[in-house]
Structure formats: structure tokens, C-alpha cells
Amino acid sequence: MTMEPELFAILACPLCRAPFDQSASGADTMVCSGCAASFPVVEGIPVLLPDRATRA
């Protein structure tokens, strides 16, 4: 399942408030364009909790 483009337009990184990078994100992750934090997507729902973020 791929993320809807509209979802990327309305969500922001909870750590730095930058938008997510749609080209770097996949079906199971959302990657921040500002701080490069990666957040999991579980069953199509992004889990944007700061403690669930991983850094590249």
C-alpha cells in the first residue's frame, strides 16, 4: 500500500515540523525532509510518536 499524496501535504515531522519527503518515504516508513527521522507506518497509519522515530 502506498501513502496518499494528500497525506504528505498535511503532515509534518513532530520533531522539527518539516514536511515529509515523499520520494524517500516508502509504504512502511515516512522520512522527514528536515531532520531525516524515519517514522513507521503500521497498517497504512503513520505512527508519528517521537519515541518511535529512528535516525539515519
C-alpha atoms as a PDB file:
ATOM      1  CA  MET A   1       0.000   0.000   0.000  1.00  0.00           C
ATOM      2  CA  THR A   2       1.348   3.442  -0.876  1.00  0.00           C
ATOM      3  CA  MET A   3       0.669   6.607   1.051  1.00  0.00           C
ATOM      4  CA  GLU A   4      -1.723   9.120  -0.443  1.00  0.00           C
ATOM      5  CA  PRO A   5      -0.062  12.331  -1.718  1.00  0.00           C
ATOM      6  CA  GLU A   6      -2.613  14.373   0.227  1.00  0.00           C
ATOM      7  CA  LEU A   7      -1.327  12.803   3.443  1.00  0.00           C
ATOM      8  CA  PHE A   8       2.183  14.126   2.823  1.00  0.00           C
ATOM      9  CA  ALA A   9       0.755  17.606   2.231  1.00  0.00           C
ATOM     10  CA  ILE A  10      -0.933  17.852   5.642  1.00  0.00           C
ATOM     11  CA  LEU A  11       1.511  16.016   7.948  1.00  0.00           C
ATOM     12  CA  ALA A  12       4.694  17.428   9.468  1.00  0.00           C
ATOM     13  CA  CYS A  13       7.517  15.870  11.461  1.00  0.00           C
ATOM     14  CA  PRO A  14       6.751  16.009  15.198  1.00  0.00           C
ATOM     15  CA  LEU A  15      10.445  16.588  15.953  1.00  0.00           C
ATOM     16  CA  CYS A  16      11.319  19.547  13.705  1.00  0.00           C
ATOM     17  CA  ARG A  17       7.987  20.436  11.996  1.00  0.00           C
ATOM     18  CA  ALA A  18       9.448  19.977   8.492  1.00  0.00           C
ATOM     19  CA  PRO A  19       7.367  18.237   5.791  1.00  0.00           C
ATOM     20  CA  PHE A  20       7.911  14.586   4.965  1.00  0.00           C
ATOM     21  CA  ASP A  21       9.940  13.633   1.888  1.00  0.00           C
ATOM     22  CA  GLN A  22       7.599  11.672  -0.345  1.00  0.00           C
ATOM     23  CA  SER A  23      10.388  10.406  -2.612  1.00  0.00           C
ATOM     24  CA  ALA A  24      12.399   8.994   0.336  1.00  0.00           C
ATOM     25  CA  SER A  25       9.377   7.553   2.124  1.00  0.00           C
ATOM     26  CA  GLY A  26       8.004   4.116   1.380  1.00  0.00           C
ATOM     27  CA  ALA A  27       4.961   2.034   2.156  1.00  0.00           C
ATOM     28  CA  ASP A  28       6.263   1.198   5.631  1.00  0.00           C
ATOM     29  CA  THR A  29       8.092   4.429   6.586  1.00  0.00           C
ATOM     30  CA  MET A  30       7.763   8.200   6.397  1.00  0.00           C
ATOM     31  CA  VAL A  31      11.049  10.132   6.228  1.00  0.00           C
ATOM     32  CA  CYS A  32      11.380  13.756   7.340  1.00  0.00           C
ATOM     33  CA  SER A  33      12.931  16.151   4.821  1.00  0.00           C
ATOM     34  CA  GLY A  34      14.409  18.294   7.602  1.00  0.00           C
ATOM     35  CA  CYS A  35      15.965  16.059  10.258  1.00  0.00           C
ATOM     36  CA  ALA A  36      15.886  12.753   8.312  1.00  0.00           C
ATOM     37  CA  ALA A  37      13.985  10.975  11.084  1.00  0.00           C
ATOM     38  CA  SER A  38      12.086   7.918   9.909  1.00  0.00           C
ATOM     39  CA  PHE A  39       8.675   7.014  11.323  1.00  0.00           C
ATOM     40  CA  PRO A  40       6.943   3.636  10.890  1.00  0.00           C
ATOM     41  CA  VAL A  41       3.683   3.181   9.010  1.00  0.00           C
ATOM     42  CA  VAL A  42       1.599   0.385  10.541  1.00  0.00           C
ATOM     43  CA  GLU A  43      -1.357  -0.931   8.527  1.00  0.00           C
ATOM     44  CA  GLY A  44      -1.412   2.286   6.498  1.00  0.00           C
ATOM     45  CA  ILE A  45      -1.364   4.569   9.551  1.00  0.00           C
ATOM     46  CA  PRO A  46       1.757   6.675  10.254  1.00  0.00           C
ATOM     47  CA  VAL A  47       2.970   6.399  13.845  1.00  0.00           C
ATOM     48  CA  LEU A  48       4.318   9.911  14.456  1.00  0.00           C
ATOM     49  CA  LEU A  49       5.393   9.475  18.051  1.00  0.00           C
ATOM     50  CA  PRO A  50       8.823  10.992  18.773  1.00  0.00           C
ATOM     51  CA  ASP A  51       9.963   7.894  20.679  1.00  0.00           C
ATOM     52  CA  ARG A  52       9.215   5.675  17.642  1.00  0.00           C
ATOM     53  CA  ALA A  53      11.475   7.717  15.320  1.00  0.00           C
ATOM     54  CA  THR A  54      14.745   6.324  14.042  1.00  0.00           C
ATOM     55  CA  ARG A  55      17.593   8.431  12.676  1.00  0.00           C
ATOM     56  CA  ALA A  56      19.544   7.534   9.555  1.00  0.00           C
END
